[in-house]
Amino acid sequence: MQIYLPIADLPINIFVLLATGLAVGFVAGMFGVGGGFLMTPLLIFLDVSPSVAVATVATHITASSFSGALSYWRRDAVDLKMAAALFSGGLLGTLSGVWLFTTLQSIGQLDVILSLLYLIMLTAVGGLMVVESVRSALRLRRNKPSLLRRSGAHTWIHGLPYKLRFRRSKIYISIFPVWGTGYIIGLIGAVMGIGGGFLLVPILIYFLRAPTATVIGTAAVLTSSTMAVATVLHALTNHLVDIILALVLMVGGVIGAQFGARTAQKMSAERLRFLLGILIVGVGLRFGYELIARPESLYSIRNVGSES
């Protein structure tokens, strides 16, 4: 059954969209990630324009992250002071990202830049996850303890000036790396249509040395906040948010997440990280293939304005 997506200007099978939402929701529930890194590429592979895919997925991520943030808030697993500090940098990053997104779209380079960014980021992050999961599995086979990084341990980052004490996370750190982290996540989210949770959580744990108990909830607050701003800005400046597309994906995503969460309970953490890493690398390599594959049409027509 075909439905017409008004903003995407594309007829598409509603069952294909529901299946896409189910698949991404299953992955999100199984691995505990937002799923934006997978949802945006899948929409692009379904011939939805990259600009509409990025703007629309921002709406999807906002809703799912807000739901997760409320859940962690009820369990007192959110550092609001840290979230506010991250958001102060994330807001500037989101504004910069929407400006960059609009500029790239206006000069006709958005598709190529997005493909390059996805290729580099996803293959790098996915590759690191695969390597780390294999190392953890080998250590377990040899009966060696896991190499854990202590939260609160000092690194060169902790020697920077203008420190703030984040009592909930039990760390005392400069505001500059916190702002910088928020800026990067906001910028990436606005340009690439991903929440950035799979980047933010490791940064908070391994670089800022925040405890895992508050990291995921705090990351959900930042993601929902920055992506909400990105959604509004994309809707007002670029008019690219397709509400019908977002609603169909949300329905599938909510259902798929329930099955994914149940499946995750039956698998080890090492195997989950390995499978997620393989999935991320696979999506990144698909973008690499799109960059070098021969296009169906060797010519394109684009309106570059009329002579006066």
C-alpha atoms as a PDB file:
ATOM      1  CA  MET A   1       0.000   0.000   0.000  1.00  0.00           C
ATOM      2  CA  GLN A   2       1.540   3.261  -1.149  1.00  0.00           C
ATOM      3  CA  ILE A   3       1.426   6.519   0.789  1.00  0.00           C
ATOM      4  CA  TYR A   4       2.648   9.890  -0.374  1.00  0.00           C
ATOM      5  CA  LEU A   5       5.223  11.754   1.704  1.00  0.00           C
ATOM      6  CA  PRO A   6       4.542  15.458   1.039  1.00  0.00           C
ATOM      7  CA  ILE A   7       7.873  16.926   2.154  1.00  0.00           C
ATOM      8  CA  ALA A   8       9.990  14.091   0.767  1.00  0.00           C
ATOM      9  CA  ASP A   9       7.859  14.317  -2.432  1.00  0.00           C
ATOM     10  CA  LEU A  10       7.944  10.546  -2.714  1.00  0.00           C
ATOM     11  CA  PRO A  11       5.377   7.717  -2.847  1.00  0.00           C
ATOM     12  CA  ILE A  12       6.506   4.785  -0.725  1.00  0.00           C
ATOM     13  CA  ASN A  13       5.095   1.527   0.607  1.00  0.00           C
ATOM     14  CA  ILE A  14       3.858   2.048   4.162  1.00  0.00           C
ATOM     15  CA  PHE A  15       4.809  -1.520   5.111  1.00  0.00           C
ATOM     16  CA  VAL A  16       8.392  -0.871   4.040  1.00  0.00           C
ATOM     17  CA  LEU A  17       8.472   2.192   6.298  1.00  0.00           C
ATOM     18  CA  LEU A  18       6.968   0.244   9.196  1.00  0.00           C
ATOM     19  CA  ALA A  19       9.527  -2.516   8.681  1.00  0.00           C
ATOM     20  CA  THR A  20      12.298   0.094   8.691  1.00  0.00           C
ATOM     21  CA  GLY A  21      10.991   1.532  11.956  1.00  0.00           C
ATOM     22  CA  LEU A  22      10.699  -1.963  13.433  1.00  0.00           C
ATOM     23  CA  ALA A  23      14.267  -2.865  12.431  1.00  0.00           C
ATOM     24  CA  VAL A  24      15.792   0.324  13.795  1.00  0.00           C
ATOM     25  CA  GLY A  25      13.676   0.118  16.948  1.00  0.00           C
ATOM     26  CA  PHE A  26      14.812  -3.475  17.450  1.00  0.00           C
ATOM     27  CA  VAL A  27      18.461  -2.410  17.124  1.00  0.00           C
ATOM     28  CA  ALA A  28      17.926   0.571  19.435  1.00  0.00           C
ATOM     29  CA  GLY A  29      16.256  -1.561  22.087  1.00  0.00           C
ATOM     30  CA  MET A  30      18.799  -4.351  21.747  1.00  0.00           C
ATOM     31  CA  PHE A  31      21.935  -2.228  21.941  1.00  0.00           C
ATOM     32  CA  GLY A  32      20.692   0.743  23.976  1.00  0.00           C
ATOM     33  CA  VAL A  33      21.410   3.362  21.297  1.00  0.00           C
ATOM     34  CA  GLY A  34      19.226   5.989  19.658  1.00  0.00           C
ATOM     35  CA  GLY A  35      19.294   4.373  16.220  1.00  0.00           C
ATOM     36  CA  GLY A  36      19.751   7.597  14.284  1.00  0.00           C
ATOM     37  CA  PHE A  37      23.034   6.334  12.815  1.00  0.00           C
ATOM     38  CA  LEU A  38      20.993   3.561  11.176  1.00  0.00           C
ATOM     39  CA  MET A  39      17.654   5.283  10.515  1.00  0.00           C
ATOM     40  CA  THR A  40      19.073   8.146   8.425  1.00  0.00           C
ATOM     41  CA  PRO A  41      21.128   5.871   6.119  1.00  0.00           C
ATOM     42  CA  LEU A  42      18.198   3.467   5.623  1.00  0.00           C
ATOM     43  CA  LEU A  43      15.921   6.328   4.563  1.00  0.00           C
ATOM     44  CA  ILE A  44      18.577   7.539   2.139  1.00  0.00           C
ATOM     45  CA  PHE A  45      18.854   4.014   0.723  1.00  0.00           C
ATOM     46  CA  LEU A  46      15.032   4.107   0.261  1.00  0.00           C
ATOM     47  CA  ASP A  47      15.496   7.164  -2.014  1.00  0.00           C
ATOM     48  CA  VAL A  48      14.417   9.733   0.579  1.00  0.00           C
ATOM     49  CA  SER A  49      16.596  12.777  -0.015  1.00  0.00           C
ATOM     50  CA  PRO A  50      19.423  13.148   2.557  1.00  0.00           C
ATOM     51  CA  SER A  51      18.190  16.573   3.603  1.00  0.00           C
ATOM     52  CA  VAL A  52      14.671  15.314   4.425  1.00  0.00           C
ATOM     53  CA  ALA A  53      16.072  12.160   6.064  1.00  0.00           C
ATOM     54  CA  VAL A  54      18.327  14.144   8.409  1.00  0.00           C
ATOM     55  CA  ALA A  55      15.648  16.660   9.395  1.00  0.00           C
ATOM     56  CA  THR A  56      12.913  14.047   9.880  1.00  0.00           C
ATOM     57  CA  VAL A  57      15.040  11.602  11.882  1.00  0.00           C
ATOM     58  CA  ALA A  58      15.848  14.464  14.257  1.00  0.00           C
ATOM     59  CA  THR A  59      12.160  14.421  15.215  1.00  0.00           C
ATOM     60  CA  HIS A  60      12.254  10.655  15.770  1.00  0.00           C
ATOM     61  CA  ILE A  61      15.371  10.888  17.953  1.00  0.00           C
ATOM     62  CA  THR A  62      13.887  13.723  20.012  1.00  0.00           C
ATOM     63  CA  ALA A  63      10.860  11.627  20.947  1.00  0.00           C
ATOM     64  CA  SER A  64      12.763   8.427  21.741  1.00  0.00           C
ATOM     65  CA  SER A  65      15.499  10.226  23.710  1.00  0.00           C
ATOM     66  CA  PHE A  66      12.955  12.205  25.726  1.00  0.00           C
ATOM     67  CA  SER A  67      11.202   8.983  26.690  1.00  0.00           C
ATOM     68  CA  GLY A  68      14.503   7.488  27.801  1.00  0.00           C
ATOM     69  CA  ALA A  69      15.474  10.634  29.710  1.00  0.00           C
ATOM     70  CA  LEU A  70      12.216  10.529  31.691  1.00  0.00           C
ATOM     71  CA  SER A  71      12.860   6.910  32.593  1.00  0.00           C
ATOM     72  CA  TYR A  72      16.350   7.666  33.899  1.00  0.00           C
ATOM     73  CA  TRP A  73      15.076  10.788  35.687  1.00  0.00           C
ATOM     74  CA  ARG A  74      12.607   8.705  37.675  1.00  0.00           C
ATOM     75  CA  ARG A  75      15.496   6.465  38.739  1.00  0.00           C
ATOM     76  CA  ASP A  76      17.592   9.484  39.797  1.00  0.00           C
ATOM     77  CA  ALA A  77      20.243   8.601  37.207  1.00  0.00           C
ATOM     78  CA  VAL A  78      20.619  12.039  35.592  1.00  0.00           C
ATOM     79  CA  ASP A  79      23.190  14.737  36.410  1.00  0.00           C
ATOM     80  CA  LEU A  80      21.189  17.861  35.605  1.00  0.00           C
ATOM     81  CA  LYS A  81      24.137  20.208  36.151  1.00  0.00           C
ATOM     82  CA  MET A  82      26.266  18.207  33.733  1.00  0.00           C
ATOM     83  CA  ALA A  83      23.378  18.058  31.237  1.00  0.00           C
ATOM     84  CA  ALA A  84      22.946  21.847  31.439  1.00  0.00           C
ATOM     85  CA  ALA A  85      26.674  22.430  30.899  1.00  0.00           C
ATOM     86  CA  LEU A  86      26.702  20.050  27.937  1.00  0.00           C
ATOM     87  CA  PHE A  87      23.596  21.705  26.476  1.00  0.00           C
ATOM     88  CA  SER A  88      25.201  25.177  26.648  1.00  0.00           C
ATOM     89  CA  GLY A  89      27.830  23.891  24.228  1.00  0.00           C
ATOM     90  CA  GLY A  90      25.354  21.680  22.376  1.00  0.00           C
ATOM     91  CA  LEU A  91      23.071  24.621  21.579  1.00  0.00           C
ATOM     92  CA  LEU A  92      25.904  26.481  19.852  1.00  0.00           C
ATOM     93  CA  GLY A  93      26.907  23.282  18.065  1.00  0.00           C
ATOM     94  CA  THR A  94      23.342  22.710  16.851  1.00  0.00           C
ATOM     95  CA  LEU A  95      23.085  26.274  15.533  1.00  0.00           C
ATOM     96  CA  SER A  96      26.411  25.837  13.742  1.00  0.00           C
ATOM     97  CA  GLY A  97      25.306  22.472  12.382  1.00  0.00           C
ATOM     98  CA  VAL A  98      22.042  23.776  10.924  1.00  0.00           C
ATOM     99  CA  TRP A  99      23.925  26.687   9.327  1.00  0.00           C
ATOM    100  CA  LEU A 100      26.470  24.287   7.829  1.00  0.00           C
ATOM    101  CA  PHE A 101      23.679  21.952   6.684  1.00  0.00           C
ATOM    102  CA  THR A 102      21.860  24.817   4.933  1.00  0.00           C
ATOM    103  CA  THR A 103      25.071  26.063   3.321  1.00  0.00           C
ATOM    104  CA  LEU A 104      26.027  22.627   1.967  1.00  0.00           C
ATOM    105  CA  GLN A 105      22.506  22.144   0.623  1.00  0.00           C
ATOM    106  CA  SER A 106      22.536  25.522  -1.128  1.00  0.00           C
ATOM    107  CA  ILE A 107      25.784  24.718  -2.985  1.00  0.00           C
ATOM    108  CA  GLY A 108      24.676  21.181  -3.870  1.00  0.00           C
ATOM    109  CA  GLN A 109      27.345  19.353  -1.842  1.00  0.00           C
ATOM    110  CA  LEU A 110      25.238  17.976   1.028  1.00  0.00           C
ATOM    111  CA  ASP A 111      24.891  14.419  -0.348  1.00  0.00           C
ATOM    112  CA  VAL A 112      28.618  13.933  -0.914  1.00  0.00           C
ATOM    113  CA  ILE A 113      29.655  15.411   2.442  1.00  0.00           C
ATOM    114  CA  LEU A 114      27.101  13.299   4.327  1.00  0.00           C
ATOM    115  CA  SER A 115      28.322  10.131   2.612  1.00  0.00           C
ATOM    116  CA  LEU A 116      31.942  10.944   3.473  1.00  0.00           C
ATOM    117  CA  LEU A 117      31.074  11.753   7.092  1.00  0.00           C
ATOM    118  CA  TYR A 118      29.108   8.526   7.518  1.00  0.00           C
ATOM    119  CA  LEU A 119      31.876   6.477   5.876  1.00  0.00           C
ATOM    120  CA  ILE A 120      34.620   7.908   8.111  1.00  0.00           C
ATOM    121  CA  MET A 121      32.712   8.060  11.384  1.00  0.00           C
ATOM    122  CA  LEU A 122      30.832   4.785  11.239  1.00  0.00           C
ATOM    123  CA  THR A 123      33.734   2.650  10.038  1.00  0.00           C
ATOM    124  CA  ALA A 124      36.041   4.169  12.682  1.00  0.00           C
ATOM    125  CA  VAL A 125      33.613   3.832  15.597  1.00  0.00           C
ATOM    126  CA  GLY A 126      32.352   0.413  14.497  1.00  0.00           C
ATOM    127  CA  GLY A 127      35.877  -0.863  13.967  1.00  0.00           C
ATOM    128  CA  LEU A 128      36.943   0.224  17.462  1.00  0.00           C
ATOM    129  CA  MET A 129      33.879  -1.472  18.958  1.00  0.00           C
ATOM    130  CA  VAL A 130      34.643  -4.742  17.150  1.00  0.00           C
ATOM    131  CA  VAL A 131      38.286  -4.694  18.282  1.00  0.00           C
ATOM    132  CA  GLU A 132      37.345  -3.930  21.894  1.00  0.00           C
ATOM    133  CA  SER A 133      34.673  -6.637  22.008  1.00  0.00           C
ATOM    134  CA  VAL A 134      37.087  -9.248  20.598  1.00  0.00           C
ATOM    135  CA  ARG A 135      39.732  -8.261  23.163  1.00  0.00           C
ATOM    136  CA  SER A 136      37.201  -8.544  25.988  1.00  0.00           C
ATOM    137  CA  ALA A 137      36.096 -11.975  24.769  1.00  0.00           C
ATOM    138  CA  LEU A 138      39.718 -13.174  24.595  1.00  0.00           C
ATOM    139  CA  ARG A 139      40.404 -11.903  28.130  1.00  0.00           C
ATOM    140  CA  LEU A 140      37.382 -13.803  29.401  1.00  0.00           C
ATOM    141  CA  ARG A 141      38.540 -17.010  27.704  1.00  0.00           C
ATOM    142  CA  ARG A 142      41.934 -16.653  29.347  1.00  0.00           C
ATOM    143  CA  ASN A 143      40.265 -15.943  32.705  1.00  0.00           C
ATOM    144  CA  LYS A 144      41.827 -12.485  32.864  1.00  0.00           C
ATOM    145  CA  PRO A 145      39.895  -9.636  34.528  1.00  0.00           C
ATOM    146  CA  SER A 146      38.468  -6.860  32.392  1.00  0.00           C
ATOM    147  CA  LEU A 147      40.541  -3.693  32.230  1.00  0.00           C
ATOM    148  CA  LEU A 148      38.192  -1.172  33.792  1.00  0.00           C
ATOM    149  CA  ARG A 149      38.839   2.559  33.901  1.00  0.00           C
ATOM    150  CA  ARG A 150      38.063   4.066  37.269  1.00  0.00           C
ATOM    151  CA  SER A 151      35.589   6.945  37.235  1.00  0.00           C
ATOM    152  CA  GLY A 152      37.113  10.034  38.749  1.00  0.00           C
ATOM    153  CA  ALA A 153      40.701   9.114  37.764  1.00  0.00           C
ATOM    154  CA  HIS A 154      42.713  12.138  36.618  1.00  0.00           C
ATOM    155  CA  THR A 155      43.967  12.769  33.069  1.00  0.00           C
ATOM    156  CA  TRP A 156      45.431  15.867  31.380  1.00  0.00           C
ATOM    157  CA  ILE A 157      41.859  17.099  30.845  1.00  0.00           C
ATOM    158  CA  HIS A 158      41.469  17.498  34.602  1.00  0.00           C
ATOM    159  CA  GLY A 159      44.366  19.968  34.661  1.00  0.00           C
ATOM    160  CA  LEU A 160      42.515  22.567  32.586  1.00  0.00           C
ATOM    161  CA  PRO A 161      41.332  25.797  34.324  1.00  0.00           C
ATOM    162  CA  TYR A 162      37.835  27.049  35.218  1.00  0.00           C
ATOM    163  CA  LYS A 163      36.677  23.904  36.954  1.00  0.00           C
ATOM    164  CA  LEU A 164      33.181  23.064  38.114  1.00  0.00           C
ATOM    165  CA  ARG A 165      32.121  20.426  40.621  1.00  0.00           C
ATOM    166  CA  PHE A 166      29.440  18.057  39.371  1.00  0.00           C
ATOM    167  CA  ARG A 167      28.288  16.481  42.612  1.00  0.00           C
ATOM    168  CA  ARG A 168      25.901  13.955  41.101  1.00  0.00           C
ATOM    169  CA  SER A 169      28.638  12.571  38.848  1.00  0.00           C
ATOM    170  CA  LYS A 170      31.281  13.039  41.558  1.00  0.00           C
ATOM    171  CA  ILE A 171      33.794  14.755  39.277  1.00  0.00           C
ATOM    172  CA  TYR A 172      35.603  18.108  39.421  1.00  0.00           C
ATOM    173  CA  ILE A 173      36.548  19.181  35.915  1.00  0.00           C
ATOM    174  CA  SER A 174      37.091  22.188  33.655  1.00  0.00           C
ATOM    175  CA  ILE A 175      34.074  23.545  31.861  1.00  0.00           C
ATOM    176  CA  PHE A 176      35.962  23.669  28.529  1.00  0.00           C
ATOM    177  CA  PRO A 177      35.961  19.918  27.694  1.00  0.00           C
ATOM    178  CA  VAL A 178      32.316  19.747  28.782  1.00  0.00           C
ATOM    179  CA  TRP A 179      31.377  22.608  26.452  1.00  0.00           C
ATOM    180  CA  GLY A 180      33.495  21.120  23.673  1.00  0.00           C
ATOM    181  CA  THR A 181      31.822  17.728  24.028  1.00  0.00           C
ATOM    182  CA  GLY A 182      28.365  19.286  23.886  1.00  0.00           C
ATOM    183  CA  TYR A 183      29.344  21.378  20.855  1.00  0.00           C
ATOM    184  CA  ILE A 184      30.585  18.356  18.899  1.00  0.00           C
ATOM    185  CA  ILE A 185      27.464  16.292  19.670  1.00  0.00           C
ATOM    186  CA  GLY A 186      25.153  19.177  18.709  1.00  0.00           C
ATOM    187  CA  LEU A 187      27.060  19.802  15.476  1.00  0.00           C
ATOM    188  CA  ILE A 188      27.054  16.132  14.450  1.00  0.00           C
ATOM    189  CA  GLY A 189      23.365  15.723  15.306  1.00  0.00           C
ATOM    190  CA  ALA A 190      22.262  18.704  13.221  1.00  0.00           C
ATOM    191  CA  VAL A 191      24.375  17.849  10.177  1.00  0.00           C
ATOM    192  CA  MET A 192      24.123  14.044  10.120  1.00  0.00           C
ATOM    193  CA  GLY A 193      20.737  13.379  11.741  1.00  0.00           C
ATOM    194  CA  ILE A 194      22.116  11.206  14.547  1.00  0.00           C
ATOM    195  CA  GLY A 195      21.706  11.700  18.267  1.00  0.00           C
ATOM    196  CA  GLY A 196      25.367  11.003  18.931  1.00  0.00           C
ATOM    197  CA  GLY A 197      24.752   8.807  21.956  1.00  0.00           C
ATOM    198  CA  PHE A 198      27.141   6.128  20.695  1.00  0.00           C
ATOM    199  CA  LEU A 199      29.846   8.859  20.746  1.00  0.00           C
ATOM    200  CA  LEU A 200      28.747  10.820  23.810  1.00  0.00           C
ATOM    201  CA  VAL A 201      28.609   7.908  26.256  1.00  0.00           C
ATOM    202  CA  PRO A 202      32.214   6.750  25.629  1.00  0.00           C
ATOM    203  CA  ILE A 203      33.476  10.359  25.789  1.00  0.00           C
ATOM    204  CA  LEU A 204      31.817  10.946  29.159  1.00  0.00           C
ATOM    205  CA  ILE A 205      33.104   7.661  30.575  1.00  0.00           C
ATOM    206  CA  TYR A 206      36.632   7.447  29.182  1.00  0.00           C
ATOM    207  CA  PHE A 207      37.640  11.116  28.846  1.00  0.00           C
ATOM    208  CA  LEU A 208      35.627  13.029  31.427  1.00  0.00           C
ATOM    209  CA  ARG A 209      35.650  10.021  33.804  1.00  0.00           C
ATOM    210  CA  ALA A 210      31.958  10.350  34.660  1.00  0.00           C
ATOM    211  CA  PRO A 211      30.405   7.279  36.337  1.00  0.00           C
ATOM    212  CA  THR A 212      28.372   4.944  34.145  1.00  0.00           C
ATOM    213  CA  ALA A 213      25.434   5.192  36.574  1.00  0.00           C
ATOM    214  CA  THR A 214      24.653   8.754  35.452  1.00  0.00           C
ATOM    215  CA  VAL A 215      26.165   8.835  31.963  1.00  0.00           C
ATOM    216  CA  ILE A 216      23.368   7.214  29.932  1.00  0.00           C
ATOM    217  CA  GLY A 217      20.587   9.280  31.509  1.00  0.00           C
ATOM    218  CA  THR A 218      22.581  12.508  31.150  1.00  0.00           C
ATOM    219  CA  ALA A 219      23.328  11.660  27.514  1.00  0.00           C
ATOM    220  CA  ALA A 220      19.614  11.082  26.863  1.00  0.00           C
ATOM    221  CA  VAL A 221      18.798  14.549  28.252  1.00  0.00           C
ATOM    222  CA  LEU A 222      21.401  16.221  26.033  1.00  0.00           C
ATOM    223  CA  THR A 223      20.331  14.261  22.952  1.00  0.00           C
ATOM    224  CA  SER A 224      16.635  15.068  23.365  1.00  0.00           C
ATOM    225  CA  SER A 225      17.429  18.763  23.966  1.00  0.00           C
ATOM    226  CA  THR A 226      19.803  19.303  21.050  1.00  0.00           C
ATOM    227  CA  MET A 227      17.728  17.276  18.602  1.00  0.00           C
ATOM    228  CA  ALA A 228      14.573  19.171  19.603  1.00  0.00           C
ATOM    229  CA  VAL A 229      16.363  22.422  18.745  1.00  0.00           C
ATOM    230  CA  ALA A 230      17.623  20.904  15.478  1.00  0.00           C
ATOM    231  CA  THR A 231      14.087  19.789  14.563  1.00  0.00           C
ATOM    232  CA  VAL A 232      12.660  23.274  15.104  1.00  0.00           C
ATOM    233  CA  LEU A 233      15.474  24.953  13.182  1.00  0.00           C
ATOM    234  CA  HIS A 234      15.252  22.514  10.266  1.00  0.00           C
ATOM    235  CA  ALA A 235      11.473  23.025  10.134  1.00  0.00           C
ATOM    236  CA  LEU A 236      11.709  26.824  10.231  1.00  0.00           C
ATOM    237  CA  THR A 237      14.730  27.410   8.006  1.00  0.00           C
ATOM    238  CA  ASN A 238      14.711  24.511   5.561  1.00  0.00           C
ATOM    239  CA  HIS A 239      11.077  23.237   5.777  1.00  0.00           C
ATOM    240  CA  LEU A 240      12.314  19.646   5.538  1.00  0.00           C
ATOM    241  CA  VAL A 241      10.590  17.823   8.421  1.00  0.00           C
ATOM    242  CA  ASP A 242       8.132  15.261   7.033  1.00  0.00           C
ATOM    243  CA  ILE A 243       5.659  14.622   9.865  1.00  0.00           C
ATOM    244  CA  ILE A 244       3.924  11.697   8.132  1.00  0.00           C
ATOM    245  CA  LEU A 245       7.241   9.926   7.642  1.00  0.00           C
ATOM    246  CA  ALA A 246       8.248  10.592  11.258  1.00  0.00           C
ATOM    247  CA  LEU A 247       4.953   9.253  12.660  1.00  0.00           C
ATOM    248  CA  VAL A 248       5.121   5.995  10.699  1.00  0.00           C
ATOM    249  CA  LEU A 249       8.722   5.417  11.780  1.00  0.00           C
ATOM    250  CA  MET A 250       7.852   6.139  15.413  1.00  0.00           C
ATOM    251  CA  VAL A 251       5.086   3.517  15.422  1.00  0.00           C
ATOM    252  CA  GLY A 252       7.431   0.866  14.084  1.00  0.00           C
ATOM    253  CA  GLY A 253      10.270   1.977  16.342  1.00  0.00           C
ATOM    254  CA  VAL A 254       8.277   1.730  19.567  1.00  0.00           C
ATOM    255  CA  ILE A 255       7.169  -1.825  18.758  1.00  0.00           C
ATOM    256  CA  GLY A 256      10.611  -2.957  17.605  1.00  0.00           C
ATOM    257  CA  ALA A 257      12.337  -1.566  20.704  1.00  0.00           C
ATOM    258  CA  GLN A 258      10.316  -3.839  22.979  1.00  0.00           C
ATOM    259  CA  PHE A 259      11.469  -6.976  21.153  1.00  0.00           C
ATOM    260  CA  GLY A 260      15.046  -5.706  20.957  1.00  0.00           C
ATOM    261  CA  ALA A 261      15.249  -5.100  24.708  1.00  0.00           C
ATOM    262  CA  ARG A 262      14.019  -8.636  25.424  1.00  0.00           C
ATOM    263  CA  THR A 263      16.540 -10.149  23.013  1.00  0.00           C
ATOM    264  CA  ALA A 264      19.413  -8.200  24.586  1.00  0.00           C
ATOM    265  CA  GLN A 265      18.737  -9.802  27.982  1.00  0.00           C
ATOM    266  CA  LYS A 266      19.697 -13.195  26.532  1.00  0.00           C
ATOM    267  CA  MET A 267      23.101 -12.113  25.126  1.00  0.00           C
ATOM    268  CA  SER A 268      26.461 -11.206  26.685  1.00  0.00           C
ATOM    269  CA  ALA A 269      27.747  -7.625  26.635  1.00  0.00           C
ATOM    270  CA  GLU A 270      30.768  -8.611  24.507  1.00  0.00           C
ATOM    271  CA  ARG A 271      28.585 -10.229  21.862  1.00  0.00           C
ATOM    272  CA  LEU A 272      26.246  -7.218  21.809  1.00  0.00           C
ATOM    273  CA  ARG A 273      29.159  -4.816  21.285  1.00  0.00           C
ATOM    274  CA  PHE A 274      30.593  -7.048  18.556  1.00  0.00           C
ATOM    275  CA  LEU A 275      27.296  -7.256  16.651  1.00  0.00           C
ATOM    276  CA  LEU A 276      26.685  -3.514  16.982  1.00  0.00           C
ATOM    277  CA  GLY A 277      30.218  -2.809  15.739  1.00  0.00           C
ATOM    278  CA  ILE A 278      29.722  -5.056  12.706  1.00  0.00           C
ATOM    279  CA  LEU A 279      26.407  -3.339  11.955  1.00  0.00           C
ATOM    280  CA  ILE A 280      27.941   0.144  12.196  1.00  0.00           C
ATOM    281  CA  VAL A 281      30.886  -0.822   9.965  1.00  0.00           C
ATOM    282  CA  GLY A 282      28.511  -2.370   7.420  1.00  0.00           C
ATOM    283  CA  VAL A 283      26.439   0.813   7.136  1.00  0.00           C
ATOM    284  CA  GLY A 284      29.606   2.900   6.793  1.00  0.00           C
ATOM    285  CA  LEU A 285      30.972   0.662   4.029  1.00  0.00           C
ATOM    286  CA  ARG A 286      27.654   0.893   2.182  1.00  0.00           C
ATOM    287  CA  PHE A 287      28.125   4.671   2.047  1.00  0.00           C
ATOM    288  CA  GLY A 288      31.635   4.083   0.740  1.00  0.00           C
ATOM    289  CA  TYR A 289      30.233   1.905  -2.027  1.00  0.00           C
ATOM    290  CA  GLU A 290      27.701   4.606  -2.948  1.00  0.00           C
ATOM    291  CA  LEU A 291      30.578   7.078  -3.380  1.00  0.00           C
ATOM    292  CA  ILE A 292      32.436   4.949  -5.920  1.00  0.00           C
ATOM    293  CA  ALA A 293      29.573   3.065  -7.616  1.00  0.00           C
ATOM    294  CA  ARG A 294      28.600   4.041 -11.152  1.00  0.00           C
ATOM    295  CA  PRO A 295      25.389   6.120 -11.004  1.00  0.00           C
ATOM    296  CA  GLU A 296      22.293   5.051 -12.932  1.00  0.00           C
ATOM    297  CA  SER A 297      22.342   8.351 -14.785  1.00  0.00           C
ATOM    298  CA  LEU A 298      25.619  10.000 -15.791  1.00  0.00           C
ATOM    299  CA  TYR A 299      23.964  13.394 -16.119  1.00  0.00           C
ATOM    300  CA  SER A 300      21.846  15.522 -13.785  1.00  0.00           C
ATOM    301  CA  ILE A 301      19.991  18.781 -14.240  1.00  0.00           C
ATOM    302  CA  ARG A 302      20.015  21.433 -11.549  1.00  0.00           C
ATOM    303  CA  ASN A 303      18.556  24.915 -11.639  1.00  0.00           C
ATOM    304  CA  VAL A 304      21.390  27.368 -10.958  1.00  0.00           C
ATOM    305  CA  GLY A 305      19.381  30.521 -11.533  1.00  0.00           C
ATOM    306  CA  SER A 306      18.409  32.609 -14.517  1.00  0.00           C
ATOM    307  CA  GLU A 307      20.417  35.289 -16.273  1.00  0.00           C
ATOM    308  CA  SER A 308      19.167  38.825 -15.891  1.00  0.00           C
END
